[in-house]
């Protein structure tokens, strides 16, 4: 996610919001295409469904 897409939020606010939704912070870097600051998150594990017969 490019940080400027979330303009009113600061980096700590973005991280806190993503972590509250189950995402884990992976790394911070720069976009090669736009040179914008980028935060990389890993998605939460999928919920296990129980098969009922």
Protein backbone atom coordinates (compact mmCIF):
# COMPACT_ATOMS: atom_id res chain seq x y z
CA UNK A 1 0.00 0.00 0.00
CA UNK A 2 1.35 3.42 -0.90
CA UNK A 3 1.29 5.73 2.09
CA UNK A 4 0.01 8.75 0.17
CA UNK A 5 -3.16 6.81 -0.74
CA UNK A 6 -4.09 7.06 2.96
CA UNK A 7 -3.25 10.78 3.23
CA UNK A 8 -4.93 11.88 6.46
CA UNK A 9 -3.51 8.85 8.33
CA UNK A 10 0.06 8.67 9.61
CA UNK A 11 2.24 5.56 9.25
CA UNK A 12 1.65 4.44 12.88
CA UNK A 13 -2.11 4.89 12.39
CA UNK A 14 -2.04 2.79 9.19
CA UNK A 15 -0.07 0.02 10.93
CA UNK A 16 -2.43 0.02 13.93
CA UNK A 17 -5.50 -0.17 11.69
CA UNK A 18 -4.08 -3.01 9.59
CA UNK A 19 -3.00 -4.98 12.66
CA UNK A 20 -6.46 -4.55 14.21
CA UNK A 21 -7.87 -6.21 11.07
CA UNK A 22 -5.52 -9.20 11.40
CA UNK A 23 -2.76 -8.17 8.98
CA UNK A 24 0.89 -8.36 10.07
CA UNK A 25 3.46 -5.74 9.12
CA UNK A 26 6.18 -7.15 6.88
CA UNK A 27 8.38 -4.28 5.67
CA UNK A 28 8.62 -0.64 4.70
CA UNK A 29 10.19 0.51 1.46
CA UNK A 30 9.91 2.60 -1.68
CA UNK A 31 7.86 1.91 -4.79
CA UNK A 32 10.05 1.43 -7.87
CA UNK A 33 7.34 2.83 -10.11
CA UNK A 34 6.44 6.05 -8.23
CA UNK A 35 9.19 6.38 -5.56
CA UNK A 36 6.45 6.62 -2.93
CA UNK A 37 6.82 5.21 0.57
CA UNK A 38 5.23 1.76 0.72
CA UNK A 39 4.09 -0.43 3.63
CA UNK A 40 3.87 -4.18 3.00
CA UNK A 41 1.51 -6.35 5.05
CA UNK A 42 0.79 -10.07 5.02
CA UNK A 43 -2.89 -11.02 5.04
CA UNK A 44 -4.41 -12.90 7.96
CA UNK A 45 -4.69 -16.68 7.64
CA UNK A 46 -8.02 -17.80 6.16
CA UNK A 47 -10.70 -18.87 8.58
CA UNK A 48 -11.09 -22.62 8.79
CA UNK A 49 -14.51 -23.82 7.80
CA UNK A 50 -16.02 -26.86 9.36
CA UNK A 51 -17.72 -29.25 6.98
CA UNK A 52 -21.15 -30.28 8.17
CA UNK A 53 -22.93 -33.25 6.65
